[in-house]
Amino acid sequence: MRKVVSILMLSVLMMWGLAGCSGEYELLKTEKDLSKQSVKVSARSIEYRILPQDRLEIILYKDPSQISESRTGLAGDSMNRQGILVNAAGYITMPLIGKVKVAGLTQTEAAEKITRMYKKYLNTPSVYLEVLNKKILVLGEVKNPGVVTLDKEKMTLFEALAHAGDFTNSAIRNEIIIVSSDKHGMRMRTVDLTNFDKMDYASLMLRPNDIVYVKPNNWKQFKVASSDVTSVLDPILKIAGAYAAFAYIVD
């Protein structure tokens, strides 16, 4: 009987010990104090800059006197209904003017550059350009994690969370992690949504391609880890329990 009790106790201790490793369920862990990192926001920093693999909607308008050439796809019509892909080197290929490097430019800058190039061939051309795939990724303890499509230059953290269906009951609300990328690399910061006094405009603003991660609380991490361990130990516990009952009857 003592052996059975020992087996049961050992199994329980294993489950608790392994569940103690539940920190592996949490993503984006770091030893840095992210709460002290400052974020500078300006019109220039918020405005999106085109990246390789982006898809661009480009519409070229031209002088009405050249409307007879509209069948070439160059008069008030989109160049490509699915968008023009920016290649790995940052270039797109356009009718008449050929290759144009647009990576690193804002939408306005790219449109102005293409317009200048078309002036060599067309009278008073005008270009409309928009990036079609601007997005934000929301992960973690939200009801509908996934991709949030952007139809503008920026979005607030509250808007992104609303798109994701709000927090789950297991969410940590005072340590939302935001990962951003720029020419200097990846940066992380945390936002406390439980303290209004600590909120500011800069910390709440999201740019295209930002990642928002809502961390799980310790209880959620434990439940996930313990359920994994339980699935492994369940057959052992059942056998041990059956043996304990049999031993009790025999005694």
C-alpha atoms as a PDB file:
ATOM      1  CA  MET A   1       0.000   0.000   0.000  1.00  0.00           C
ATOM      2  CA  ARG A   2       2.860   2.341   0.819  1.00  0.00           C
ATOM      3  CA  LYS A   3       4.319   1.729  -2.632  1.00  0.00           C
ATOM      4  CA  VAL A   4       1.049   2.798  -4.229  1.00  0.00           C
ATOM      5  CA  VAL A   5       0.889   5.950  -2.158  1.00  0.00           C
ATOM      6  CA  SER A   6       4.486   6.720  -3.075  1.00  0.00           C
ATOM      7  CA  ILE A   7       3.711   6.288  -6.759  1.00  0.00           C
ATOM      8  CA  LEU A   8       0.708   8.598  -6.496  1.00  0.00           C
ATOM      9  CA  MET A   9       2.671  11.253  -4.618  1.00  0.00           C
ATOM     10  CA  LEU A  10       5.554  11.021  -7.073  1.00  0.00           C
ATOM     11  CA  SER A  11       3.145  11.437  -9.992  1.00  0.00           C
ATOM     12  CA  VAL A  12       1.561  14.504  -8.429  1.00  0.00           C
ATOM     13  CA  LEU A  13       4.963  16.027  -7.678  1.00  0.00           C
ATOM     14  CA  MET A  14       6.041  15.421 -11.280  1.00  0.00           C
ATOM     15  CA  MET A  15       2.900  17.140 -12.538  1.00  0.00           C
ATOM     16  CA  TRP A  16       3.439  20.181 -10.336  1.00  0.00           C
ATOM     17  CA  GLY A  17       7.137  20.303 -11.130  1.00  0.00           C
ATOM     18  CA  LEU A  18       6.604  20.181 -14.879  1.00  0.00           C
ATOM     19  CA  ALA A  19       3.765  22.659 -14.646  1.00  0.00           C
ATOM     20  CA  GLY A  20       6.235  24.962 -12.943  1.00  0.00           C
ATOM     21  CA  CYS A  21       7.960  25.210 -16.319  1.00  0.00           C
ATOM     22  CA  SER A  22       4.829  26.845 -17.715  1.00  0.00           C
ATOM     23  CA  GLY A  23       6.776  30.005 -18.506  1.00  0.00           C
ATOM     24  CA  GLU A  24       7.566  28.365 -21.849  1.00  0.00           C
ATOM     25  CA  TYR A  25       3.961  29.077 -22.845  1.00  0.00           C
ATOM     26  CA  GLU A  26       4.676  32.805 -22.731  1.00  0.00           C
ATOM     27  CA  LEU A  27       6.193  34.447 -25.832  1.00  0.00           C
ATOM     28  CA  LEU A  28       8.679  37.305 -26.316  1.00  0.00           C
ATOM     29  CA  LYS A  29      10.344  37.018 -22.925  1.00  0.00           C
ATOM     30  CA  THR A  30      13.229  39.394 -22.207  1.00  0.00           C
ATOM     31  CA  GLU A  31      15.269  40.547 -19.235  1.00  0.00           C
ATOM     32  CA  LYS A  32      15.178  44.176 -20.360  1.00  0.00           C
ATOM     33  CA  ASP A  33      13.014  46.694 -18.515  1.00  0.00           C
ATOM     34  CA  LEU A  34      10.703  47.581 -21.386  1.00  0.00           C
ATOM     35  CA  SER A  35       8.587  49.939 -19.298  1.00  0.00           C
ATOM     36  CA  LYS A  36      11.411  52.503 -19.333  1.00  0.00           C
ATOM     37  CA  GLN A  37      11.828  52.541 -23.098  1.00  0.00           C
ATOM     38  CA  SER A  38      10.550  55.743 -24.655  1.00  0.00           C
ATOM     39  CA  VAL A  39       8.857  55.973 -28.039  1.00  0.00           C
ATOM     40  CA  LYS A  40       9.127  59.078 -30.163  1.00  0.00           C
ATOM     41  CA  VAL A  41       6.232  59.789 -32.495  1.00  0.00           C
ATOM     42  CA  SER A  42       6.240  62.280 -35.344  1.00  0.00           C
ATOM     43  CA  ALA A  43       4.385  62.613 -38.622  1.00  0.00           C
ATOM     44  CA  ARG A  44       7.466  61.260 -40.398  1.00  0.00           C
ATOM     45  CA  SER A  45       7.865  58.235 -38.128  1.00  0.00           C
ATOM     46  CA  ILE A  46       4.202  57.264 -38.434  1.00  0.00           C
ATOM     47  CA  GLU A  47       3.999  57.578 -42.227  1.00  0.00           C
ATOM     48  CA  TYR A  48       4.461  54.150 -43.769  1.00  0.00           C
ATOM     49  CA  ARG A  49       7.538  53.424 -45.874  1.00  0.00           C
ATOM     50  CA  ILE A  50       7.317  50.894 -48.669  1.00  0.00           C
ATOM     51  CA  LEU A  51       9.050  47.557 -48.142  1.00  0.00           C
ATOM     52  CA  PRO A  52      10.108  44.738 -50.471  1.00  0.00           C
ATOM     53  CA  GLN A  53       7.216  42.263 -51.020  1.00  0.00           C
ATOM     54  CA  ASP A  54       4.595  44.987 -50.519  1.00  0.00           C
ATOM     55  CA  ARG A  55       1.767  45.181 -53.044  1.00  0.00           C
ATOM     56  CA  LEU A  56       0.966  48.618 -54.455  1.00  0.00           C
ATOM     57  CA  GLU A  57      -2.153  49.927 -56.103  1.00  0.00           C
ATOM     58  CA  ILE A  58      -0.991  52.436 -58.715  1.00  0.00           C
ATOM     59  CA  ILE A  59      -3.352  54.495 -60.857  1.00  0.00           C
ATOM     60  CA  LEU A  60      -2.024  56.820 -63.539  1.00  0.00           C
ATOM     61  CA  TYR A  61      -4.130  59.764 -64.718  1.00  0.00           C
ATOM     62  CA  LYS A  62      -3.066  61.706 -67.784  1.00  0.00           C
ATOM     63  CA  ASP A  63      -3.999  64.605 -69.992  1.00  0.00           C
ATOM     64  CA  PRO A  64      -7.448  64.140 -71.618  1.00  0.00           C
ATOM     65  CA  SER A  65      -5.859  64.934 -74.984  1.00  0.00           C
ATOM     66  CA  GLN A  66      -4.082  61.576 -74.695  1.00  0.00           C
ATOM     67  CA  ILE A  67      -7.194  59.633 -73.794  1.00  0.00           C
ATOM     68  CA  SER A  68      -6.953  57.680 -77.049  1.00  0.00           C
ATOM     69  CA  GLU A  69      -4.100  55.774 -75.434  1.00  0.00           C
ATOM     70  CA  SER A  70      -6.243  54.669 -72.486  1.00  0.00           C
ATOM     71  CA  ARG A  71      -6.388  51.104 -73.792  1.00  0.00           C
ATOM     72  CA  THR A  72      -2.733  50.735 -72.846  1.00  0.00           C
ATOM     73  CA  GLY A  73      -3.817  50.792 -69.199  1.00  0.00           C
ATOM     74  CA  LEU A  74      -2.298  54.203 -68.530  1.00  0.00           C
ATOM     75  CA  ALA A  75      -5.324  56.491 -68.165  1.00  0.00           C
ATOM     76  CA  GLY A  76      -7.175  56.614 -64.873  1.00  0.00           C
ATOM     77  CA  ASP A  77      -7.024  52.872 -64.458  1.00  0.00           C
ATOM     78  CA  SER A  78      -5.261  50.596 -62.026  1.00  0.00           C
ATOM     79  CA  MET A  79      -2.037  49.091 -63.330  1.00  0.00           C
ATOM     80  CA  ASN A  80      -2.842  45.742 -61.728  1.00  0.00           C
ATOM     81  CA  ARG A  81      -6.052  44.744 -59.956  1.00  0.00           C
ATOM     82  CA  GLN A  82      -4.150  42.578 -57.449  1.00  0.00           C
ATOM     83  CA  GLY A  83      -1.496  45.213 -56.899  1.00  0.00           C
ATOM     84  CA  ILE A  84       2.036  45.517 -58.217  1.00  0.00           C
ATOM     85  CA  LEU A  85       4.551  43.504 -56.210  1.00  0.00           C
ATOM     86  CA  VAL A  86       7.689  45.245 -54.961  1.00  0.00           C
ATOM     87  CA  ASN A  87      10.527  42.809 -55.626  1.00  0.00           C
ATOM     88  CA  ALA A  88      13.235  41.794 -53.146  1.00  0.00           C
ATOM     89  CA  ALA A  89      15.511  44.599 -54.378  1.00  0.00           C
ATOM     90  CA  GLY A  90      12.787  47.198 -53.787  1.00  0.00           C
ATOM     91  CA  TYR A  91      11.835  47.823 -57.439  1.00  0.00           C
ATOM     92  CA  ILE A  92       8.607  47.745 -59.418  1.00  0.00           C
ATOM     93  CA  THR A  93       8.295  47.670 -63.208  1.00  0.00           C
ATOM     94  CA  MET A  94       5.977  50.170 -64.900  1.00  0.00           C
ATOM     95  CA  PRO A  95       4.832  50.653 -68.521  1.00  0.00           C
ATOM     96  CA  LEU A  96       6.938  53.174 -70.493  1.00  0.00           C
ATOM     97  CA  ILE A  97       9.309  54.071 -67.662  1.00  0.00           C
ATOM     98  CA  GLY A  98      10.518  50.578 -66.726  1.00  0.00           C
ATOM     99  CA  LYS A  99      12.038  49.806 -63.321  1.00  0.00           C
ATOM    100  CA  VAL A 100      11.461  52.211 -60.424  1.00  0.00           C
ATOM    101  CA  LYS A 101      12.923  51.831 -56.945  1.00  0.00           C
ATOM    102  CA  VAL A 102      10.232  52.570 -54.373  1.00  0.00           C
ATOM    103  CA  ALA A 103      11.395  50.714 -51.255  1.00  0.00           C
ATOM    104  CA  GLY A 104      12.136  53.124 -48.415  1.00  0.00           C
ATOM    105  CA  LEU A 105       9.841  55.817 -49.809  1.00  0.00           C
ATOM    106  CA  THR A 106       6.523  56.920 -48.358  1.00  0.00           C
ATOM    107  CA  GLN A 107       3.425  56.523 -50.507  1.00  0.00           C
ATOM    108  CA  THR A 108       3.520  60.245 -51.341  1.00  0.00           C
ATOM    109  CA  GLU A 109       7.211  60.198 -52.215  1.00  0.00           C
ATOM    110  CA  ALA A 110       6.804  57.138 -54.446  1.00  0.00           C
ATOM    111  CA  ALA A 111       3.837  58.700 -56.269  1.00  0.00           C
ATOM    112  CA  GLU A 112       5.774  61.916 -56.862  1.00  0.00           C
ATOM    113  CA  LYS A 113       8.809  60.006 -58.157  1.00  0.00           C
ATOM    114  CA  ILE A 114       6.731  57.985 -60.623  1.00  0.00           C
ATOM    115  CA  THR A 115       4.916  61.139 -61.743  1.00  0.00           C
ATOM    116  CA  ARG A 116       8.229  62.865 -62.518  1.00  0.00           C
ATOM    117  CA  MET A 117       9.375  59.876 -64.565  1.00  0.00           C
ATOM    118  CA  TYR A 118       6.132  59.817 -66.594  1.00  0.00           C
ATOM    119  CA  LYS A 119       6.470  63.505 -67.439  1.00  0.00           C
ATOM    120  CA  LYS A 120       9.107  62.489 -69.981  1.00  0.00           C
ATOM    121  CA  TYR A 121       6.422  60.666 -71.981  1.00  0.00           C
ATOM    122  CA  LEU A 122       3.022  62.126 -71.037  1.00  0.00           C
ATOM    123  CA  ASN A 123       1.431  65.546 -70.668  1.00  0.00           C
ATOM    124  CA  THR A 124       0.562  66.458 -67.044  1.00  0.00           C
ATOM    125  CA  PRO A 125       0.499  62.913 -65.618  1.00  0.00           C
ATOM    126  CA  SER A 126      -0.737  62.336 -62.085  1.00  0.00           C
ATOM    127  CA  VAL A 127      -0.160  59.180 -60.036  1.00  0.00           C
ATOM    128  CA  TYR A 128      -2.180  57.743 -57.169  1.00  0.00           C
ATOM    129  CA  LEU A 129      -0.333  55.124 -55.090  1.00  0.00           C
ATOM    130  CA  GLU A 130      -1.399  53.129 -52.044  1.00  0.00           C
ATOM    131  CA  VAL A 131       0.101  50.132 -50.217  1.00  0.00           C
ATOM    132  CA  LEU A 132      -2.517  47.384 -50.145  1.00  0.00           C
ATOM    133  CA  ASN A 133      -1.089  45.076 -47.488  1.00  0.00           C
ATOM    134  CA  LYS A 134      -0.611  47.331 -44.450  1.00  0.00           C
ATOM    135  CA  LYS A 135      -1.434  45.286 -41.368  1.00  0.00           C
ATOM    136  CA  ILE A 136      -0.958  44.736 -37.639  1.00  0.00           C
ATOM    137  CA  LEU A 137      -0.668  41.331 -35.954  1.00  0.00           C
ATOM    138  CA  VAL A 138      -2.470  40.753 -32.634  1.00  0.00           C
ATOM    139  CA  LEU A 139      -1.499  37.629 -30.673  1.00  0.00           C
ATOM    140  CA  GLY A 140      -1.980  36.122 -27.250  1.00  0.00           C
ATOM    141  CA  GLU A 141      -4.869  36.466 -24.837  1.00  0.00           C
ATOM    142  CA  VAL A 142      -7.447  38.106 -27.104  1.00  0.00           C
ATOM    143  CA  LYS A 143     -10.664  36.511 -28.298  1.00  0.00           C
ATOM    144  CA  ASN A 144      -9.881  36.694 -32.016  1.00  0.00           C
ATOM    145  CA  PRO A 145      -6.092  36.748 -32.557  1.00  0.00           C
ATOM    146  CA  GLY A 146      -4.841  37.324 -36.075  1.00  0.00           C
ATOM    147  CA  VAL A 147      -4.161  39.947 -38.717  1.00  0.00           C
ATOM    148  CA  VAL A 148      -5.799  43.382 -38.525  1.00  0.00           C
ATOM    149  CA  THR A 149      -5.863  45.086 -41.931  1.00  0.00           C
ATOM    150  CA  LEU A 150      -5.011  48.796 -41.973  1.00  0.00           C
ATOM    151  CA  ASP A 151      -6.713  51.219 -44.323  1.00  0.00           C
ATOM    152  CA  LYS A 152      -4.788  54.199 -42.907  1.00  0.00           C
ATOM    153  CA  GLU A 153      -1.300  55.151 -41.741  1.00  0.00           C
ATOM    154  CA  LYS A 154      -1.752  54.313 -38.072  1.00  0.00           C
ATOM    155  CA  MET A 155      -4.006  52.692 -35.484  1.00  0.00           C
ATOM    156  CA  THR A 156      -4.276  52.960 -31.714  1.00  0.00           C
ATOM    157  CA  LEU A 157      -3.738  49.985 -29.444  1.00  0.00           C
ATOM    158  CA  PHE A 158      -7.373  50.227 -28.337  1.00  0.00           C
ATOM    159  CA  GLU A 159      -8.565  49.970 -31.950  1.00  0.00           C
ATOM    160  CA  ALA A 160      -6.394  46.907 -32.585  1.00  0.00           C
ATOM    161  CA  LEU A 161      -7.696  45.179 -29.454  1.00  0.00           C
ATOM    162  CA  ALA A 162     -11.267  46.018 -30.430  1.00  0.00           C
ATOM    163  CA  HIS A 163     -10.687  44.401 -33.846  1.00  0.00           C
ATOM    164  CA  ALA A 164      -9.366  41.330 -31.993  1.00  0.00           C
ATOM    165  CA  GLY A 165     -12.523  41.036 -29.887  1.00  0.00           C
ATOM    166  CA  ASP A 166     -11.085  42.397 -26.604  1.00  0.00           C
ATOM    167  CA  PHE A 167      -9.120  40.505 -23.930  1.00  0.00           C
ATOM    168  CA  THR A 168      -9.787  37.008 -22.657  1.00  0.00           C
ATOM    169  CA  ASN A 169     -10.217  36.496 -18.917  1.00  0.00           C
ATOM    170  CA  SER A 170      -6.627  35.223 -18.727  1.00  0.00           C
ATOM    171  CA  ALA A 171      -5.026  38.368 -20.159  1.00  0.00           C
ATOM    172  CA  ILE A 172      -2.442  40.478 -18.331  1.00  0.00           C
ATOM    173  CA  ARG A 173      -3.673  43.997 -18.981  1.00  0.00           C
ATOM    174  CA  ASN A 174      -0.852  46.005 -17.426  1.00  0.00           C
ATOM    175  CA  GLU A 175       1.976  44.644 -19.590  1.00  0.00           C
ATOM    176  CA  ILE A 176       0.923  44.604 -23.256  1.00  0.00           C
ATOM    177  CA  ILE A 177       3.978  43.968 -25.446  1.00  0.00           C
ATOM    178  CA  ILE A 178       4.382  45.819 -28.753  1.00  0.00           C
ATOM    179  CA  VAL A 179       7.124  44.824 -31.200  1.00  0.00           C
ATOM    180  CA  SER A 180       8.050  47.330 -33.906  1.00  0.00           C
ATOM    181  CA  SER A 181      10.624  47.238 -36.700  1.00  0.00           C
ATOM    182  CA  ASP A 182      12.525  50.079 -38.329  1.00  0.00           C
ATOM    183  CA  LYS A 183      15.830  50.626 -40.102  1.00  0.00           C
ATOM    184  CA  HIS A 184      17.637  50.093 -36.774  1.00  0.00           C
ATOM    185  CA  GLY A 185      16.067  46.673 -36.172  1.00  0.00           C
ATOM    186  CA  MET A 186      13.369  45.326 -33.849  1.00  0.00           C
ATOM    187  CA  ARG A 187      12.244  47.210 -30.750  1.00  0.00           C
ATOM    188  CA  MET A 188       9.941  46.187 -27.899  1.00  0.00           C
ATOM    189  CA  ARG A 189       7.939  48.219 -25.422  1.00  0.00           C
ATOM    190  CA  THR A 190       5.181  47.550 -22.903  1.00  0.00           C
ATOM    191  CA  VAL A 191       1.960  49.441 -22.310  1.00  0.00           C
ATOM    192  CA  ASP A 192      -0.030  49.454 -19.059  1.00  0.00           C
ATOM    193  CA  LEU A 193      -3.716  49.814 -19.893  1.00  0.00           C
ATOM    194  CA  THR A 194      -4.768  49.674 -16.237  1.00  0.00           C
ATOM    195  CA  ASN A 195      -3.191  53.018 -15.287  1.00  0.00           C
ATOM    196  CA  PHE A 196      -4.473  56.078 -17.142  1.00  0.00           C
ATOM    197  CA  ASP A 197      -1.777  58.317 -15.644  1.00  0.00           C
ATOM    198  CA  LYS A 198       0.957  56.293 -17.371  1.00  0.00           C
ATOM    199  CA  MET A 199      -0.658  56.359 -20.815  1.00  0.00           C
ATOM    200  CA  ASP A 200       0.547  58.718 -23.513  1.00  0.00           C
ATOM    201  CA  TYR A 201      -0.094  59.212 -27.210  1.00  0.00           C
ATOM    202  CA  ALA A 202       3.223  57.714 -28.296  1.00  0.00           C
ATOM    203  CA  SER A 203       2.857  54.439 -26.414  1.00  0.00           C
ATOM    204  CA  LEU A 204      -0.650  53.801 -27.759  1.00  0.00           C
ATOM    205  CA  MET A 205       0.133  54.405 -31.437  1.00  0.00           C
ATOM    206  CA  LEU A 206       0.718  51.394 -33.689  1.00  0.00           C
ATOM    207  CA  ARG A 207       2.407  51.438 -37.097  1.00  0.00           C
ATOM    208  CA  PRO A 208       1.934  48.997 -39.960  1.00  0.00           C
ATOM    209  CA  ASN A 209       3.635  45.631 -39.325  1.00  0.00           C
ATOM    210  CA  ASP A 210       3.646  46.104 -35.541  1.00  0.00           C
ATOM    211  CA  ILE A 211       3.024  42.997 -33.415  1.00  0.00           C
ATOM    212  CA  VAL A 212       0.784  43.276 -30.347  1.00  0.00           C
ATOM    213  CA  TYR A 213       1.166  40.455 -27.820  1.00  0.00           C
ATOM    214  CA  VAL A 214      -1.111  40.084 -24.795  1.00  0.00           C
ATOM    215  CA  LYS A 215       0.575  37.893 -22.188  1.00  0.00           C
ATOM    216  CA  PRO A 216      -1.288  35.139 -20.284  1.00  0.00           C
ATOM    217  CA  ASN A 217      -1.505  35.241 -16.506  1.00  0.00           C
ATOM    218  CA  ASN A 218       0.255  32.617 -14.371  1.00  0.00           C
ATOM    219  CA  TRP A 219      -2.903  30.588 -13.867  1.00  0.00           C
ATOM    220  CA  LYS A 220      -3.430  30.210 -17.618  1.00  0.00           C
ATOM    221  CA  GLN A 221       0.179  29.131 -18.066  1.00  0.00           C
ATOM    222  CA  PHE A 222      -0.193  26.578 -15.273  1.00  0.00           C
ATOM    223  CA  LYS A 223      -3.420  25.178 -16.713  1.00  0.00           C
ATOM    224  CA  VAL A 224      -1.832  24.699 -20.144  1.00  0.00           C
ATOM    225  CA  ALA A 225       1.298  23.081 -18.730  1.00  0.00           C
ATOM    226  CA  SER A 226      -0.581  20.885 -16.248  1.00  0.00           C
ATOM    227  CA  SER A 227      -3.014  19.666 -18.905  1.00  0.00           C
ATOM    228  CA  ASP A 228      -0.056  18.576 -21.039  1.00  0.00           C
ATOM    229  CA  VAL A 229       1.486  16.751 -18.084  1.00  0.00           C
ATOM    230  CA  THR A 230      -1.831  15.220 -17.039  1.00  0.00           C
ATOM    231  CA  SER A 231      -2.338  13.725 -20.487  1.00  0.00           C
ATOM    232  CA  VAL A 232       0.979  11.892 -20.058  1.00  0.00           C
ATOM    233  CA  LEU A 233       0.432  10.836 -16.420  1.00  0.00           C
ATOM    234  CA  ASP A 234      -3.240   9.936 -16.750  1.00  0.00           C
ATOM    235  CA  PRO A 235      -2.644   6.252 -17.625  1.00  0.00           C
ATOM    236  CA  ILE A 236      -0.179   5.953 -14.716  1.00  0.00           C
ATOM    237  CA  LEU A 237      -2.614   7.541 -12.278  1.00  0.00           C
ATOM    238  CA  LYS A 238      -5.445   5.270 -13.392  1.00  0.00           C
ATOM    239  CA  ILE A 239      -3.333   2.140 -12.989  1.00  0.00           C
ATOM    240  CA  ALA A 240      -2.030   3.297  -9.619  1.00  0.00           C
ATOM    241  CA  GLY A 241      -5.544   4.140  -8.467  1.00  0.00           C
ATOM    242  CA  ALA A 242      -6.865   0.762  -9.520  1.00  0.00           C
ATOM    243  CA  TYR A 243      -3.976  -0.978  -7.754  1.00  0.00           C
ATOM    244  CA  ALA A 244      -4.575   1.071  -4.609  1.00  0.00           C
ATOM    245  CA  ALA A 245      -8.240   0.074  -4.568  1.00  0.00           C
ATOM    246  CA  PHE A 246      -7.330  -3.576  -5.081  1.00  0.00           C
ATOM    247  CA  ALA A 247      -4.708  -3.434  -2.315  1.00  0.00           C
ATOM    248  CA  TYR A 248      -7.230  -1.839   0.031  1.00  0.00           C
ATOM    249  CA  ILE A 249      -9.733  -4.659  -0.589  1.00  0.00           C
ATOM    250  CA  VAL A 250      -7.094  -7.347  -0.096  1.00  0.00           C
ATOM    251  CA  ASP A 251      -5.899  -5.761   3.164  1.00  0.00           C
END
